[in-house]
Each structure stands twice: as C-alpha cells, then as structure tokens.
Protein backbone atom coordinates (compact mmCIF):
# COMPACT_ATOMS: atom_id res chain seq x y z
CA UNK A 1 32.21 28.41 24.16
CA UNK A 2 29.31 26.27 24.25
CA UNK A 3 25.93 27.31 22.74
CA UNK A 4 24.61 27.98 26.44
CA UNK A 5 27.69 30.70 27.28
CA UNK A 6 27.11 32.65 24.17
CA UNK A 7 23.74 32.97 24.76
CA UNK A 8 24.32 33.86 28.43
CA UNK A 9 27.32 36.00 27.17
CA UNK A 10 25.36 38.15 24.60
CA UNK A 11 22.36 37.99 27.03
CA UNK A 12 24.81 40.11 29.68
CA UNK A 13 25.95 42.28 26.60
CA UNK A 14 22.41 43.36 25.92
CA UNK A 15 21.60 43.96 29.29
CA UNK A 16 24.42 46.16 30.00
CA UNK A 17 24.02 47.98 27.07
CA UNK A 18 20.17 48.61 27.88
CA UNK A 19 21.62 50.02 31.32
CA UNK A 20 23.71 52.21 29.90
CA UNK A 21 21.47 53.78 27.59
CA UNK A 22 18.85 53.95 30.46
CA UNK A 23 21.45 55.61 32.70
CA UNK A 24 22.23 58.51 30.15
CA UNK A 25 18.46 59.17 29.55
CA UNK A 26 17.25 62.39 31.34
CA UNK A 27 14.72 61.69 34.58
CA UNK A 28 11.56 63.08 32.71
CA UNK A 29 12.74 60.46 30.06
CA UNK A 30 13.25 57.83 31.66
CA UNK A 31 9.07 57.47 33.22
CA UNK A 32 8.62 57.73 29.21
CA UNK A 33 11.55 54.92 28.10
CA UNK A 34 9.42 52.98 31.41
CA UNK A 35 6.48 53.35 29.51
CA UNK A 36 7.16 52.43 26.04
CA UNK A 37 8.94 49.47 27.61
CA UNK A 38 6.00 48.26 29.78
CA UNK A 39 3.23 48.48 26.64
CA UNK A 40 5.16 47.01 24.40
CA UNK A 41 6.67 43.88 26.43
CA UNK A 42 2.49 43.71 27.01
CA UNK A 43 1.99 44.07 22.91
CA UNK A 44 4.50 41.17 22.77
CA UNK A 45 3.91 38.85 25.51
CA UNK A 46 -0.32 39.54 24.04
CA UNK A 47 -0.53 40.38 20.60
CA UNK A 48 -2.18 38.00 18.30
CA UNK A 49 -2.07 40.63 15.22
CA UNK A 50 0.85 41.47 13.60
CA UNK A 51 -0.80 44.44 11.76
CA UNK A 52 -2.09 45.83 14.87
CA UNK A 53 1.65 45.64 16.96
CA UNK A 54 2.81 47.05 13.56
CA UNK A 55 0.67 50.30 13.68
CA UNK A 56 1.60 50.80 17.34
CA UNK A 57 5.28 50.03 16.80
CA UNK A 58 4.40 53.44 14.77
CA UNK A 59 2.75 55.47 16.76
CA UNK A 60 5.43 54.81 19.31
CA UNK A 61 7.97 56.33 16.50
CA UNK A 62 5.42 59.04 16.13
CA UNK A 63 4.83 60.33 19.74
CA UNK A 64 9.19 60.23 20.14
CA UNK A 65 10.46 61.51 16.66
CA UNK A 66 7.98 63.89 15.53
CA UNK A 67 10.26 65.74 13.20
CA UNK A 68 11.22 62.29 11.10
CA UNK A 69 8.79 59.97 8.90
CA UNK A 70 10.01 56.67 9.49
CA UNK A 71 8.89 53.94 7.01
CA UNK A 72 8.80 49.89 8.03
CA UNK A 73 8.88 47.46 5.83
CA UNK A 74 8.37 43.88 7.57
CA UNK A 75 9.29 40.57 5.73
CA UNK A 76 6.84 37.70 6.22
CA UNK A 77 7.83 34.07 7.46
CA UNK A 78 8.92 33.57 3.92
CA UNK A 79 11.05 35.82 3.44
CA UNK A 80 9.25 38.20 0.97
CA UNK A 81 8.55 41.85 1.69
CA UNK A 82 5.10 41.54 3.29
CA UNK A 83 3.26 43.88 1.09
CA UNK A 84 0.26 44.05 3.52
CA UNK A 85 1.53 45.69 6.36
CA UNK A 86 4.11 47.90 5.55
CA UNK A 87 3.62 50.81 7.41
CA UNK A 88 4.68 54.67 7.83
CA UNK A 89 4.68 56.72 10.68
CA UNK A 90 4.33 60.79 10.16
CA UNK A 91 3.09 63.47 11.82
CA UNK A 92 -0.47 65.31 10.03
CA UNK A 93 2.48 68.16 8.66
CA UNK A 94 3.67 65.37 6.34
CA UNK A 95 0.98 64.17 4.59
CA UNK A 96 1.36 64.87 1.37
CA UNK A 97 5.02 63.09 1.67
CA UNK A 98 3.07 60.08 3.31
CA UNK A 99 0.86 60.07 0.21
CA UNK A 100 3.99 60.08 -2.38
CA UNK A 101 5.90 57.60 -0.69
CA UNK A 102 2.17 55.31 -0.44
CA UNK A 103 2.49 56.41 -4.70
CA UNK A 104 6.26 55.01 -5.07
CA UNK A 105 5.56 51.80 -3.28
CA UNK A 106 2.61 50.94 -5.59
CA UNK A 107 4.47 51.75 -8.54
CA UNK A 108 8.18 49.40 -7.20
CA UNK A 109 6.20 46.53 -7.01
CA UNK A 110 8.63 43.93 -5.64
CA UNK A 111 8.68 40.49 -6.82
CA UNK A 112 6.58 37.30 -4.85
CA UNK A 113 10.10 35.57 -5.04
CA UNK A 114 11.66 38.46 -3.43
CA UNK A 115 15.69 38.50 -2.65
CA UNK A 116 17.46 40.55 0.10
CA UNK A 117 19.95 41.88 -2.36
CA UNK A 118 16.98 43.73 -4.53
CA UNK A 119 16.29 45.91 -1.77
CA UNK A 120 19.75 47.85 -2.82
CA UNK A 121 17.34 48.52 -6.22
CA UNK A 122 14.70 49.64 -3.86
CA UNK A 123 16.51 51.72 -2.05
CA UNK A 124 18.36 53.47 -4.71
CA UNK A 125 15.03 54.34 -6.29
CA UNK A 126 13.67 55.73 -2.78
CA UNK A 127 16.74 58.06 -2.54
CA UNK A 128 16.40 59.37 -6.31
CA UNK A 129 12.88 60.02 -6.03
CA UNK A 130 13.37 61.86 -2.03
CA UNK A 131 16.69 64.00 -2.51
CA UNK A 132 14.92 66.55 -0.18
CA UNK A 133 14.86 64.08 2.57
CA UNK A 134 18.01 62.97 4.15
CA UNK A 135 17.18 58.74 4.21
CA UNK A 136 18.98 56.60 6.91
CA UNK A 137 18.29 52.80 6.24
CA UNK A 138 18.32 50.71 9.02
CA UNK A 139 18.08 46.76 9.10
CA UNK A 140 14.81 44.47 11.53
CA UNK A 141 17.44 41.73 12.73
CA UNK A 142 16.24 39.05 15.60
CA UNK A 143 18.73 36.31 15.80
CA UNK A 144 20.80 37.33 12.67
CA UNK A 145 17.86 37.11 10.95
CA UNK A 146 16.79 39.83 8.48
CA UNK A 147 12.90 40.29 9.44
CA UNK A 148 12.44 43.59 7.88
CA UNK A 149 14.22 47.25 7.08
CA UNK A 150 13.70 50.43 8.23
CA UNK A 151 14.01 54.14 6.41
CA UNK A 152 14.09 57.43 8.50
CA UNK A 153 13.22 59.89 6.42
CA UNK A 154 14.92 64.20 7.64
CA UNK A 155 13.95 67.59 6.23
CA UNK A 156 17.13 68.89 7.87
CA UNK A 157 19.92 67.32 5.65
CA UNK A 158 22.29 68.15 8.31
CA UNK A 159 20.45 66.03 11.51
CA UNK A 160 21.62 63.59 13.61
CA UNK A 161 21.14 60.11 12.99
CA UNK A 162 19.05 58.32 15.16
CA UNK A 163 19.89 55.27 14.46
CA UNK A 164 21.98 55.12 17.41
CA UNK A 165 19.77 56.36 19.52
CA UNK A 166 18.57 54.00 22.65
CA UNK A 167 14.39 55.02 22.24
CA UNK A 168 14.50 53.99 18.46
CA UNK A 169 17.26 50.59 18.98
CA UNK A 170 14.99 49.75 21.47
CA UNK A 171 11.43 49.99 19.91
CA UNK A 172 13.27 48.37 16.59
CA UNK A 173 14.35 45.44 18.87
CA UNK A 174 10.86 44.80 20.47
CA UNK A 175 9.10 44.88 16.30
CA UNK A 176 12.00 42.10 15.29
CA UNK A 177 11.22 40.12 18.46
CA UNK A 178 7.31 40.56 17.38
CA UNK A 179 7.88 40.00 13.61
CA UNK A 180 10.10 36.50 14.51
CA UNK A 181 7.27 35.47 17.03
CA UNK A 182 5.01 35.90 14.88
CA UNK A 183 6.56 34.03 12.22
CA UNK A 184 7.12 31.36 14.47
CA UNK A 185 3.28 31.47 15.16
CA UNK A 186 2.97 30.77 11.23
CA UNK A 187 5.16 27.98 11.04
CA UNK A 188 4.02 25.86 13.56
CA UNK A 189 0.45 26.72 12.68
CA UNK A 190 1.41 25.43 8.93
CA UNK A 191 3.18 21.96 11.08
CA UNK A 192 0.12 21.80 12.38
CA UNK A 193 -2.03 21.33 9.58
CA UNK A 194 0.37 18.99 7.98
CA UNK A 195 0.63 17.08 10.62
CA UNK A 196 -2.93 16.39 10.33
CA UNK A 197 -3.13 15.64 7.49
CA UNK A 198 -0.45 12.97 7.48
CA UNK A 199 -2.41 11.60 10.90
CA UNK A 200 -5.51 11.31 7.90
CA UNK A 201 -3.23 9.80 5.77
CA UNK A 202 -2.18 6.80 8.33
CA UNK A 203 -5.44 6.78 9.56
CA UNK A 204 -6.38 6.13 5.90
CA UNK A 205 -3.69 3.74 5.04
CA UNK A 206 -4.30 1.69 8.35
CA UNK A 207 -7.44 1.00 7.10
CA UNK A 208 -6.25 -0.41 4.31
CA UNK A 209 -4.62 -2.94 5.99
CA UNK A 210 -6.79 -6.08 7.01
CA UNK A 211 -8.73 -4.83 10.19
CA UNK A 212 -8.54 -8.33 11.57
CA UNK A 213 -6.69 -12.34 9.85
CA UNK A 214 -9.54 -13.84 7.58
CA UNK A 215 -10.90 -17.39 8.83
CA UNK A 216 -9.01 -20.15 6.57
CA UNK A 217 -9.73 -23.77 7.09
CA UNK A 218 -7.34 -25.67 9.13
CA UNK A 219 -5.23 -22.30 9.53
CA UNK A 220 -4.47 -19.69 12.98
CA UNK A 221 -3.47 -16.50 11.62
CA UNK A 222 -1.83 -13.28 13.13
CA UNK A 223 -0.58 -9.77 12.10
CA UNK A 224 0.59 -6.67 12.42
CA UNK A 225 2.48 -3.81 11.08
CA UNK A 226 4.26 -1.36 13.31
CA UNK A 227 5.51 1.89 11.03
CA UNK A 228 8.71 3.80 11.82
CA UNK A 229 7.18 6.26 11.05
CA UNK A 230 2.74 7.99 10.85
CA UNK A 231 3.06 6.44 7.26
CA UNK A 232 5.13 3.64 6.18
CA UNK A 233 5.73 1.61 3.13
CA UNK A 234 4.76 -1.71 4.33
CA UNK A 235 2.09 -3.99 3.25
CA UNK A 236 0.72 -7.29 4.14
CA UNK A 237 -3.04 -8.53 2.98
CA UNK A 238 -5.47 -11.14 2.14
CA UNK A 239 -7.58 -11.64 -0.44
CA UNK A 240 -10.07 -14.83 -1.31
CA UNK A 241 -9.62 -15.81 -5.23
CA UNK A 242 -13.21 -16.39 -5.40
CA UNK A 243 -15.85 -13.38 -4.65
CA UNK A 244 -19.03 -13.76 -4.75
CA UNK A 245 -19.45 -16.53 -2.42
CA UNK A 246 -20.82 -17.23 0.76
CA UNK A 247 -18.33 -16.36 3.77
CA UNK A 248 -18.47 -19.98 4.74
CA UNK A 249 -17.62 -21.20 1.62
CA UNK A 250 -14.62 -18.58 1.43
CA UNK A 251 -12.70 -21.06 4.54
CA UNK A 252 -12.38 -23.77 2.05
CA UNK A 253 -11.69 -21.27 -1.02
CA UNK A 254 -7.82 -20.37 -2.60
CA UNK A 255 -6.55 -17.62 -0.36
CA UNK A 256 -3.70 -15.63 -1.80
CA UNK A 257 -1.27 -13.91 0.88
CA UNK A 258 1.29 -11.59 0.39
CA UNK A 259 3.56 -8.83 1.91
CA UNK A 260 5.80 -6.28 0.46
CA UNK A 261 7.87 -3.91 1.23
CA UNK A 262 8.23 0.11 -0.29
CA UNK A 263 11.87 1.07 -0.65
CA UNK A 264 12.33 4.30 1.67
CA UNK A 265 9.45 5.15 4.52
CA UNK A 266 7.34 7.67 5.17
CA UNK A 267 4.76 9.47 3.00
CA UNK A 268 6.09 9.13 -0.55
CA UNK A 269 6.35 5.07 0.81
CA UNK A 270 2.83 5.10 2.17
CA UNK A 271 1.12 6.26 -1.26
CA UNK A 272 3.31 3.87 -3.50
CA UNK A 273 2.07 1.21 -1.24
CA UNK A 274 -1.60 1.94 -1.41
CA UNK A 275 -1.09 2.83 -5.12
CA UNK A 276 0.55 -0.81 -5.88
CA UNK A 277 -2.55 -2.74 -2.95
CA UNK A 278 -5.12 -1.91 -5.60
CA UNK A 279 -3.17 -3.10 -8.24
CA UNK A 280 -2.35 -6.17 -6.98
CA UNK A 281 -6.27 -7.04 -5.45
CA UNK A 282 -7.56 -6.32 -9.18
CA UNK A 283 -4.48 -8.71 -10.38
CA UNK A 284 -5.49 -11.51 -8.22
CA UNK A 285 -8.88 -11.71 -9.05
CA UNK A 286 -8.03 -12.90 -12.35
CA UNK A 287 -6.47 -16.65 -10.54
CA UNK A 288 -3.38 -17.10 -12.27
CA UNK A 289 -0.53 -18.48 -10.63
CA UNK A 290 1.62 -16.77 -8.25
CA UNK A 291 4.83 -15.71 -11.11
CA UNK A 292 2.36 -14.86 -13.24
CA UNK A 293 1.10 -12.18 -10.93
CA UNK A 294 4.14 -10.63 -9.97
CA UNK A 295 5.09 -10.78 -14.07
CA UNK A 296 1.69 -8.37 -14.96
CA UNK A 297 2.04 -6.37 -11.79
CA UNK A 298 5.37 -5.55 -12.31
CA UNK A 299 4.38 -4.39 -15.75
CA UNK A 300 1.54 -2.61 -14.59
CA UNK A 301 3.97 -0.60 -11.79
CA UNK A 302 7.34 0.09 -13.28
CA UNK A 303 6.34 3.42 -14.89
CA UNK A 304 5.38 4.83 -11.86
CA UNK A 305 7.71 3.18 -9.02
CA UNK A 306 10.43 4.43 -12.35
CA UNK A 307 9.06 8.07 -11.95
CA UNK A 308 9.53 8.08 -8.34
CA UNK A 309 12.96 6.32 -8.08
CA UNK A 310 11.77 3.80 -5.93
CA UNK A 311 11.39 0.10 -6.16
CA UNK A 312 8.94 -2.46 -3.84
CA UNK A 313 10.12 -6.04 -2.68
CA UNK A 314 6.61 -8.33 -2.67
CA UNK A 315 6.36 -11.81 -2.03
CA UNK A 316 3.33 -13.68 -2.89
CA UNK A 317 1.71 -16.82 -2.29
CA UNK A 318 -2.12 -18.18 -2.34
CA UNK A 319 -2.96 -21.70 -0.36
CA UNK A 320 -5.59 -23.77 -0.85
CA UNK A 321 -6.97 -25.28 2.51
CA UNK A 322 -8.04 -28.64 0.56
CA UNK A 323 -4.74 -29.68 -0.21
CA UNK A 324 -2.50 -27.65 1.74
CA UNK A 325 -0.42 -27.02 -0.86
CA UNK A 326 0.95 -23.34 -0.72
CA UNK A 327 2.26 -21.79 -4.18
CA UNK A 328 4.93 -18.55 -4.30
CA UNK A 329 6.66 -16.59 -5.54
CA UNK A 330 9.36 -14.00 -5.08
CA UNK A 331 10.64 -10.47 -5.88
CA UNK A 332 13.53 -10.22 -3.77
CA UNK A 333 11.90 -10.04 -0.78
CA UNK A 334 12.68 -11.57 2.43
CA UNK A 335 11.69 -15.26 2.19
CA UNK A 336 9.30 -16.35 4.83
CA UNK A 337 10.82 -19.03 7.19
CA UNK A 338 8.87 -22.53 7.34
CA UNK A 339 8.78 -24.13 10.75
CA UNK A 340 8.79 -27.90 9.75
CA UNK A 341 7.13 -29.50 12.30
CA UNK A 342 7.98 -33.33 11.50
CA UNK A 343 11.65 -32.54 11.21
CA UNK A 344 12.04 -29.84 14.32
CA UNK A 345 13.82 -27.35 11.49
CA UNK A 346 13.13 -23.71 9.75
CA UNK A 347 13.98 -23.76 6.07
CA UNK A 348 13.33 -20.88 4.08
CA UNK A 349 10.47 -20.17 1.02
CA UNK A 350 12.44 -18.72 -1.79
CA UNK A 351 12.19 -18.68 -5.30
CA UNK A 352 14.15 -16.64 -8.42
CA UNK A 353 12.79 -13.11 -8.88
CA UNK A 354 13.67 -9.21 -9.30
CA UNK A 355 12.67 -6.03 -7.35
CA UNK A 356 8.90 -4.91 -8.86
CA UNK A 357 9.94 -1.23 -10.77
CA UNK A 358 13.59 -2.16 -11.60
CA UNK A 359 13.51 -4.22 -14.63
CA UNK A 360 10.49 -4.28 -17.60
CA UNK A 361 10.38 -7.72 -18.62
CA UNK A 362 11.88 -9.28 -15.48
CA UNK A 363 10.84 -13.11 -15.07
CA UNK A 364 9.52 -14.33 -11.66
CA UNK A 365 10.03 -18.95 -10.64
CA UNK A 366 6.97 -20.11 -9.15
CA UNK A 367 7.68 -22.75 -6.13
CA UNK A 368 5.07 -25.16 -4.26
CA UNK A 369 5.16 -26.99 -0.64
CA UNK A 370 2.93 -29.18 0.77
CA UNK A 371 2.47 -27.77 4.21
CA UNK A 372 1.73 -30.18 7.36
CA UNK A 373 -0.06 -30.08 11.04
CA UNK A 374 1.74 -27.86 13.43
CA UNK A 375 3.55 -26.05 10.32
CA UNK A 376 4.22 -22.25 10.60
CA UNK A 377 5.39 -19.44 8.07
CA UNK A 378 6.79 -16.49 9.26
CA UNK A 379 6.35 -13.34 6.65
CA UNK A 380 8.13 -10.61 7.82
CA UNK A 381 9.63 -7.06 6.27
CA UNK A 382 13.57 -6.45 6.50
CA UNK A 383 12.53 -3.64 9.34
CA UNK A 384 12.17 -6.23 12.01
CA UNK A 385 16.00 -8.20 11.01
CA UNK A 386 17.74 -4.97 10.26
CA UNK A 387 16.15 -3.17 13.70
CA UNK A 388 19.32 -2.16 15.52
CA UNK A 389 19.94 -1.06 19.39
CA UNK A 390 21.99 1.50 21.01
CA UNK A 391 25.45 -0.55 20.77
CA UNK A 392 24.55 -0.63 16.85
CA UNK A 393 24.20 -4.30 16.56
CA UNK A 394 21.37 -5.52 13.94
CA UNK A 395 18.65 -7.93 15.16
CA UNK A 396 20.06 -10.18 12.18
CA UNK A 397 18.10 -13.12 10.31
CA UNK A 398 19.81 -15.28 12.74
CA UNK A 399 18.67 -13.77 15.83
CA UNK A 400 14.77 -13.92 14.40
CA UNK A 401 15.34 -17.84 13.31
CA UNK A 402 16.39 -18.34 16.68
CA UNK A 403 13.63 -16.78 18.64
CA UNK A 404 11.19 -18.41 16.19
CA UNK A 405 12.65 -21.80 16.65
CA UNK A 406 12.21 -21.81 20.64
CA UNK A 407 8.63 -20.27 20.12
CA UNK A 408 7.32 -23.01 17.60
CA UNK A 409 8.96 -25.86 20.09
CA UNK A 410 6.02 -24.97 22.72
CA UNK A 411 2.65 -24.83 21.86
CA UNK A 412 1.81 -21.33 21.36
CA UNK A 413 -0.91 -19.96 19.55
CA UNK A 414 0.13 -17.33 15.80
CA UNK A 415 -0.80 -14.49 18.38
CA UNK A 416 1.01 -14.97 20.93
CA UNK A 417 3.89 -15.92 18.87
CA UNK A 418 3.94 -12.56 17.12
CA UNK A 419 3.71 -10.70 20.32
CA UNK A 420 6.93 -12.71 21.69
CA UNK A 421 8.88 -11.98 18.66
CA UNK A 422 7.91 -7.80 18.75
CA UNK A 423 8.91 -7.89 22.33
CA UNK A 424 11.65 -9.79 21.84
CA UNK A 425 12.35 -6.64 19.03
CA UNK A 426 11.81 -4.41 22.03
CA UNK A 427 13.77 -5.71 24.34
CA UNK A 428 16.82 -5.86 21.36
CA UNK A 429 16.27 -2.08 21.18
CA UNK A 430 15.96 -1.11 24.35
CA UNK A 431 13.29 1.23 25.76
CA UNK A 432 12.10 4.60 24.13
CA UNK A 433 14.33 3.44 20.90
CA UNK A 434 12.23 3.21 17.45
CA UNK A 435 12.84 1.27 15.32
CA UNK A 436 14.75 1.95 12.17
CA UNK A 437 12.62 0.91 9.58
CA UNK A 438 8.53 -0.47 9.01
CA UNK A 439 8.69 -3.82 10.69
CA UNK A 440 5.53 -6.27 9.65
CA UNK A 441 5.01 -10.07 10.50
CA UNK A 442 2.56 -12.08 9.20
CA UNK A 443 2.26 -15.82 10.79
CA UNK A 444 0.59 -18.51 9.29
CA UNK A 445 0.15 -21.70 11.17
CA UNK A 446 -1.89 -24.97 10.72
CA UNK A 447 -3.93 -26.06 13.50
C-alpha cells in the first residue's frame, strides 16, 4: 500500500469515526458540538500564540466537563515538558485542589533533558499525592508522535471514563494538531535563521575570493568558483609577492597563483578554506619558493586540520612576467593542464607532494617551466572532472583535456574559454542537475 493510499484510508476512518460520534450526540448537544468545532477550526487556522490556544482549550474543557479537573502537560518542539505552558482546567469550586496541583508540579521539577519514559515516575507520584481522586492519563498524539499528556481528575471514583467521550477526543486531537503546528513553525523559523547565517557566510566567503583578476604583464586571466552548496571548500587566489609598490609596477612583479580544495563541502569546508587563506597569504609575503611555502603551510595548518579530520589539496605557483618562468609545487592537487602552443598539445604540470594536514614532515618538490606566447594553463579542482550526468558517467580528465585542446586551437580569450568549459559542463550534467562538488577554474593565458 502506498503512502497516499494509507493517508486516504486514515482520513476516511477519521471522518467515519467523527460522523459516527456526531450521530450519537443529542440534537441539543449537536449545536454545541458544531459550535466547538467551528471555534476550534478558527483558532487552529489563525492562532500565533500557543498559550492562548491552550487557554481556550481549558475553557472548553471547563465548559463541557464541569465535574472534572483536567491537567495538560504539553511538550515543546525539542520534546521537553513545556513548563511555562502547563495548564489546569477546573471550575471555581476546585481552586484549592488546583493550587495543590500547582505546588506539586513546582516541587516535581522536570529535568531539562526530559525523556518520555520519565513520565511514569511523574504519574506514580501524582497518584500517590492525590489518592482521593480517580486520575486517568492520556497521551496527546499527532502523526504517531507524542505532543504532550492529559490527566483527568474525578472526585467520583466510580465515574465513567471520559477518554472515550467523542467531545473529549475531538478537543484533544485539535490540541495535538495545534501543538504540532506550533512546533513546525518554531522549527521553520530556526531553519530560516540558519539559512540566513549560511547566506551571510556565503556572502563573506565570496568576498574572500578575488573580485576580479589582477593585471599581470603579458597575461590574460579569468577565474570562477561555482560551489555545490551555498558555502564551498574550493579556493583560488592571486597575490603579488611585493607590497607597497604602485599598481603599474605590480604588473611586472612576481605573482603567486594558487588553487586548492578542502575535503568535503558546505560549512566545515568553507570555514577551513577561510582559515587556510589567511595562513597562506601571510606565508606568501616571505617570498620563499613554492616547495618551501607548502612545507611551512602544512606545519602551520596540520593541528587544525587534524582536529577537523579533514585534509587539503593545493597547487601553488608563482610567475615572473619578465622571464616568463612559472615555478610550482603540488600538495596532491589535480595537476593544472598546460597547453603548449608551439607543440599543439597539452601536458600536466605536476610535482611530488603530500596533501596538507595528514603528515607533519611532508616534503614537496619544486618544478619550473618557461612559458611562451599563446601558452595557456588551466588550474581546476576535482569538482570539474568528478561531475556526473544522469547516467552516472563522470566528466573525467580526458573529456576536459579534449575540450580544452579544441578551444585552445581557436583564438578565444581566457574568459571565453572559461565560459565555454562551464557551458560544456552544464550540457554534460543536464538540466536542473546540481554539481556534485564545488567546481573552480582559473585560466592563465599568455598574450
């Protein structure tokens, strides 16, 4: 049986029971029953204060069950006894016992980490303290989940049970729906607050990535990061190795180009990426060669990464526009793809190195290559090649190399190449499919 069929069957049973109960009610009581149903439906449709709804439920109980004292113990959205909303429905003649119940409740002191099984202790104590009353217990249930408890005090020990009374059950069920709705509203607001915080975090993180590509002499740059979630673990950056010089002189100064990927995605990866960025920016200013930069960065970050049970892959390079030499070191990141215009082929820029955050004394090799006119380097994260389509096929490195080779043989700018690769990625994954992981690319092309 499907869920829809089950819901329909349950709905039909509920309606049938309501009509059966309604048919048994006398004509005089039918108008009262209808009045209660209409007023409760209005409250359930428009209420915004659970305290007022509980007060109204107590008024109805007091009006219908004059000879009874009814104690309501609602549970909040965390499943704890909602102390501030405990209610007692009783006529004025029961003011003394009402005061005694309140005193008992204050003395009992439900624990903050309340468990439903603890209610048995409470019920035993309640019956022992009020032996002169017949006390019936009933759960307030909604969608199979307990939303609270109801206790009915009767002076007449031989009186009939009201837990089978149609009016009582109708009111109790309406209360269950009200409590559930209120809990859902609270949970929704909590989620909205979290979403707002994540959006703010994503906005701050996006500001930490470069707003624009710097002007480097003889170079055409383009870059973009597309996170799988609002916050991502991908990172790329451009940093001039010389500070306190004019923008014009910076164009011909040595520049660091880096791309990295924190294991995982979402908030934890985003926080670690932000931490790593600060460490790396401070380290770059030392002007040390790439292998030494990665070694020192690993030493600085290993304790934080070890505690988070995550690691980072990172490719660090620096470029000198005057000599066109690119030095690089790799911490187990996807090696960038270098298009050699003179040979009309792609090679990988790679060097030996271990991921950041797993091995304290990890060593890194330094590579170096001289670039020529129209050479192009594509830096990317594994979210690009790990993206899959509806058939479960990966975009993979070979498809990326084939796409890049085709584009490099034509006279496109770096931005156009970047846009076309992302378009190819979107066409591959298909409509309305999100990337499986954060995807970042940097296109570095010599004019």
